[in-house]
C-alpha atoms as a PDB file:
ATOM      1  CA  UNK A   1      53.700 151.903 -24.204  1.00  0.00           C
ATOM      2  CA  UNK A   2      55.983 151.202 -21.224  1.00  0.00           C
ATOM      3  CA  UNK A   3      59.757 150.970 -21.434  1.00  0.00           C
ATOM      4  CA  UNK A   4      59.489 147.229 -20.759  1.00  0.00           C
ATOM      5  CA  UNK A   5      57.101 146.792 -23.667  1.00  0.00           C
ATOM      6  CA  UNK A   6      59.383 148.814 -25.934  1.00  0.00           C
ATOM      7  CA  UNK A   7      62.362 146.584 -25.143  1.00  0.00           C
ATOM      8  CA  UNK A   8      60.241 143.456 -25.175  1.00  0.00           C
ATOM      9  CA  UNK A   9      59.207 141.531 -22.102  1.00  0.00           C
ATOM     10  CA  UNK A  10      60.550 138.253 -23.475  1.00  0.00           C
ATOM     11  CA  UNK A  11      63.954 139.827 -24.110  1.00  0.00           C
ATOM     12  CA  UNK A  12      64.035 141.231 -20.569  1.00  0.00           C
ATOM     13  CA  UNK A  13      63.148 137.871 -19.007  1.00  0.00           C
ATOM     14  CA  UNK A  14      65.747 136.137 -21.186  1.00  0.00           C
ATOM     15  CA  UNK A  15      68.371 138.709 -20.157  1.00  0.00           C
ATOM     16  CA  UNK A  16      67.508 138.256 -16.465  1.00  0.00           C
ATOM     17  CA  UNK A  17      67.963 134.495 -16.763  1.00  0.00           C
ATOM     18  CA  UNK A  18      71.285 134.872 -18.605  1.00  0.00           C
ATOM     19  CA  UNK A  19      72.605 137.335 -16.025  1.00  0.00           C
ATOM     20  CA  UNK A  20      71.501 135.094 -13.167  1.00  0.00           C
ATOM     21  CA  UNK A  21      73.177 132.083 -14.819  1.00  0.00           C
ATOM     22  CA  UNK A  22      76.397 134.036 -15.349  1.00  0.00           C
ATOM     23  CA  UNK A  23      76.370 135.203 -11.729  1.00  0.00           C
ATOM     24  CA  UNK A  24      75.898 131.589 -10.596  1.00  0.00           C
ATOM     25  CA  UNK A  25      78.807 130.431 -12.766  1.00  0.00           C
ATOM     26  CA  UNK A  26      81.076 133.161 -11.402  1.00  0.00           C
ATOM     27  CA  UNK A  27      79.979 132.354  -7.848  1.00  0.00           C
ATOM     28  CA  UNK A  28      80.673 128.637  -8.377  1.00  0.00           C
ATOM     29  CA  UNK A  29      84.102 129.390  -9.824  1.00  0.00           C
ATOM     30  CA  UNK A  30      84.925 131.772  -6.985  1.00  0.00           C
ATOM     31  CA  UNK A  31      83.659 129.353  -4.332  1.00  0.00           C
ATOM     32  CA  UNK A  32      85.838 126.593  -5.790  1.00  0.00           C
ATOM     33  CA  UNK A  33      88.901 128.851  -5.650  1.00  0.00           C
ATOM     34  CA  UNK A  34      88.047 130.068  -2.156  1.00  0.00           C
ATOM     35  CA  UNK A  35      87.522 126.524  -0.948  1.00  0.00           C
ATOM     36  CA  UNK A  36      90.971 125.506  -2.181  1.00  0.00           C
ATOM     37  CA  UNK A  37      92.554 128.517  -0.449  1.00  0.00           C
ATOM     38  CA  UNK A  38      90.612 127.858   2.763  1.00  0.00           C
ATOM     39  CA  UNK A  39      91.825 124.252   2.722  1.00  0.00           C
ATOM     40  CA  UNK A  40      95.462 125.374   2.401  1.00  0.00           C
ATOM     41  CA  UNK A  41      95.015 128.010   5.076  1.00  0.00           C
ATOM     42  CA  UNK A  42      93.521 125.459   7.470  1.00  0.00           C
ATOM     43  CA  UNK A  43      96.476 123.111   6.913  1.00  0.00           C
ATOM     44  CA  UNK A  44      99.020 125.897   7.417  1.00  0.00           C
ATOM     45  CA  UNK A  45      97.293 127.078  10.598  1.00  0.00           C
ATOM     46  CA  UNK A  46      97.272 123.507  11.911  1.00  0.00           C
ATOM     47  CA  UNK A  47     101.042 123.277  11.406  1.00  0.00           C
ATOM     48  CA  UNK A  48     101.469 126.589  13.274  1.00  0.00           C
ATOM     49  CA  UNK A  49      99.161 125.376  16.058  1.00  0.00           C
ATOM     50  CA  UNK A  50     101.120 122.120  16.289  1.00  0.00           C
ATOM     51  CA  UNK A  51     104.315 124.197  16.659  1.00  0.00           C
ATOM     52  CA  UNK A  52     102.765 126.192  19.510  1.00  0.00           C
ATOM     53  CA  UNK A  53     101.598 123.015  21.203  1.00  0.00           C
ATOM     54  CA  UNK A  54     104.986 121.310  20.847  1.00  0.00           C
ATOM     55  CA  UNK A  55     106.976 124.325  22.085  1.00  0.00           C
ATOM     56  CA  UNK A  56     104.518 125.726  24.613  1.00  0.00           C
ATOM     57  CA  UNK A  57     104.532 129.063  22.811  1.00  0.00           C
ATOM     58  CA  UNK A  58     101.459 131.279  22.703  1.00  0.00           C
ATOM     59  CA  UNK A  59     102.886 133.589  20.023  1.00  0.00           C
ATOM     60  CA  UNK A  60     105.818 133.477  17.628  1.00  0.00           C
ATOM     61  CA  UNK A  61     107.410 136.364  15.766  1.00  0.00           C
ATOM     62  CA  UNK A  62     108.927 135.681  12.356  1.00  0.00           C
ATOM     63  CA  UNK A  63     110.461 137.921   9.696  1.00  0.00           C
ATOM     64  CA  UNK A  64     107.127 137.804   7.807  1.00  0.00           C
ATOM     65  CA  UNK A  65     104.891 138.463  10.779  1.00  0.00           C
ATOM     66  CA  UNK A  66     103.640 137.149  14.084  1.00  0.00           C
ATOM     67  CA  UNK A  67     101.238 134.325  14.785  1.00  0.00           C
ATOM     68  CA  UNK A  68      99.575 133.502  18.044  1.00  0.00           C
ATOM     69  CA  UNK A  69      97.071 131.042  19.279  1.00  0.00           C
ATOM     70  CA  UNK A  70      94.035 131.724  21.381  1.00  0.00           C
ATOM     71  CA  UNK A  71      91.011 129.815  22.566  1.00  0.00           C
ATOM     72  CA  UNK A  72      87.655 130.474  20.921  1.00  0.00           C
ATOM     73  CA  UNK A  73      84.640 129.041  22.672  1.00  0.00           C
ATOM     74  CA  UNK A  74      81.249 128.607  20.997  1.00  0.00           C
ATOM     75  CA  UNK A  75      78.073 127.942  22.929  1.00  0.00           C
ATOM     76  CA  UNK A  76      74.883 126.188  21.822  1.00  0.00           C
ATOM     77  CA  UNK A  77      72.111 124.159  23.337  1.00  0.00           C
ATOM     78  CA  UNK A  78      70.535 120.861  22.452  1.00  0.00           C
ATOM     79  CA  UNK A  79      67.579 121.597  24.758  1.00  0.00           C
ATOM     80  CA  UNK A  80      65.930 124.916  23.878  1.00  0.00           C
ATOM     81  CA  UNK A  81      63.037 124.366  26.248  1.00  0.00           C
ATOM     82  CA  UNK A  82      65.350 124.073  29.260  1.00  0.00           C
ATOM     83  CA  UNK A  83      67.530 126.928  27.992  1.00  0.00           C
ATOM     84  CA  UNK A  84      64.490 129.182  27.643  1.00  0.00           C
ATOM     85  CA  UNK A  85      63.358 128.236  31.150  1.00  0.00           C
ATOM     86  CA  UNK A  86      66.852 128.992  32.504  1.00  0.00           C
ATOM     87  CA  UNK A  87      66.990 132.372  30.732  1.00  0.00           C
ATOM     88  CA  UNK A  88      63.561 133.368  32.050  1.00  0.00           C
ATOM     89  CA  UNK A  89      64.352 132.128  35.582  1.00  0.00           C
ATOM     90  CA  UNK A  90      67.559 134.176  35.721  1.00  0.00           C
ATOM     91  CA  UNK A  91      66.170 137.127  33.733  1.00  0.00           C
ATOM     92  CA  UNK A  92      69.102 136.734  31.372  1.00  0.00           C
ATOM     93  CA  UNK A  93      67.520 137.597  28.022  1.00  0.00           C
ATOM     94  CA  UNK A  94      70.813 139.254  27.056  1.00  0.00           C
ATOM     95  CA  UNK A  95      72.121 135.715  26.469  1.00  0.00           C
ATOM     96  CA  UNK A  96      70.155 135.762  23.232  1.00  0.00           C
ATOM     97  CA  UNK A  97      70.843 137.741  20.079  1.00  0.00           C
ATOM     98  CA  UNK A  98      68.563 140.628  19.279  1.00  0.00           C
ATOM     99  CA  UNK A  99      66.855 139.777  16.038  1.00  0.00           C
ATOM    100  CA  UNK A 100      63.386 138.880  14.919  1.00  0.00           C
ATOM    101  CA  UNK A 101      62.606 135.621  13.152  1.00  0.00           C
ATOM    102  CA  UNK A 102      61.063 136.990   9.950  1.00  0.00           C
ATOM    103  CA  UNK A 103      58.736 134.107   9.055  1.00  0.00           C
ATOM    104  CA  UNK A 104      57.502 133.633  12.622  1.00  0.00           C
ATOM    105  CA  UNK A 105      56.794 137.366  13.018  1.00  0.00           C
ATOM    106  CA  UNK A 106      54.889 137.442   9.713  1.00  0.00           C
ATOM    107  CA  UNK A 107      52.840 134.430  10.831  1.00  0.00           C
ATOM    108  CA  UNK A 108      52.192 135.937  14.264  1.00  0.00           C
ATOM    109  CA  UNK A 109      50.967 139.212  12.758  1.00  0.00           C
ATOM    110  CA  UNK A 110      48.754 137.382  10.262  1.00  0.00           C
ATOM    111  CA  UNK A 111      47.208 135.342  13.068  1.00  0.00           C
ATOM    112  CA  UNK A 112      46.998 138.300  15.485  1.00  0.00           C
ATOM    113  CA  UNK A 113      46.303 141.417  13.406  1.00  0.00           C
ATOM    114  CA  UNK A 114      45.168 143.326  16.522  1.00  0.00           C
ATOM    115  CA  UNK A 115      48.446 142.694  18.416  1.00  0.00           C
ATOM    116  CA  UNK A 116      51.281 144.883  17.221  1.00  0.00           C
ATOM    117  CA  UNK A 117      54.497 144.646  19.253  1.00  0.00           C
ATOM    118  CA  UNK A 118      55.703 148.085  20.399  1.00  0.00           C
ATOM    119  CA  UNK A 119      58.682 149.403  18.476  1.00  0.00           C
ATOM    120  CA  UNK A 120      58.203 146.971  15.605  1.00  0.00           C
ATOM    121  CA  UNK A 121      59.289 148.354  12.262  1.00  0.00           C
ATOM    122  CA  UNK A 122      58.514 146.836   8.879  1.00  0.00           C
ATOM    123  CA  UNK A 123      59.772 147.571   5.422  1.00  0.00           C
ATOM    124  CA  UNK A 124      57.976 146.104   2.421  1.00  0.00           C
ATOM    125  CA  UNK A 125      58.889 146.357  -1.218  1.00  0.00           C
ATOM    126  CA  UNK A 126      57.848 144.681  -4.412  1.00  0.00           C
ATOM    127  CA  UNK A 127      60.285 142.188  -5.835  1.00  0.00           C
ATOM    128  CA  UNK A 128      60.390 140.505  -9.203  1.00  0.00           C
ATOM    129  CA  UNK A 129      61.073 136.796  -9.485  1.00  0.00           C
ATOM    130  CA  UNK A 130      62.066 135.433 -12.874  1.00  0.00           C
ATOM    131  CA  UNK A 131      61.607 131.740 -13.589  1.00  0.00           C
ATOM    132  CA  UNK A 132      63.197 129.788 -16.366  1.00  0.00           C
ATOM    133  CA  UNK A 133      60.874 128.210 -18.948  1.00  0.00           C
ATOM    134  CA  UNK A 134      60.502 124.509 -18.239  1.00  0.00           C
END
C-alpha cells in the first residue's frame, strides 16, 4: 500500500483544493492591498514629477530623502514582419531578447523530430494537476 493510499486519495485531493483556494484568497487579498498602495504611490510620484516640471529641477533633496526624475523609453513594434526584415538586413539579432518560445519550440520539435537545434537543453518533469469536482 502506498503512502497516498494510506492517507486516502480523496483526502489528498480535497486538501490540495483547499490549499489552492486558500492561496488564491491570500493572493487576492494581497493584490487588493498592493493595488491600493500602487495607486497612492503613482499619485505621489505624479506630484513630485509635477514639482520637477514646474521648477525645472531634475533632483530634489529633502530631509527624508532625495527624488529625481529620469526618462525611461520603451520600444515595441506594430509590424513584426518589417522589424524582422530590418534585424536580418542589419544583422542586429542582439535587438531581440534571448529566450525560446516554449510552445513553438515544442511544436517545432514534434513536427521535425530529426532536427534538433544545437545547444538546446530540455528539462521535463511530471506534474500533478488537481481539478475540483463539478
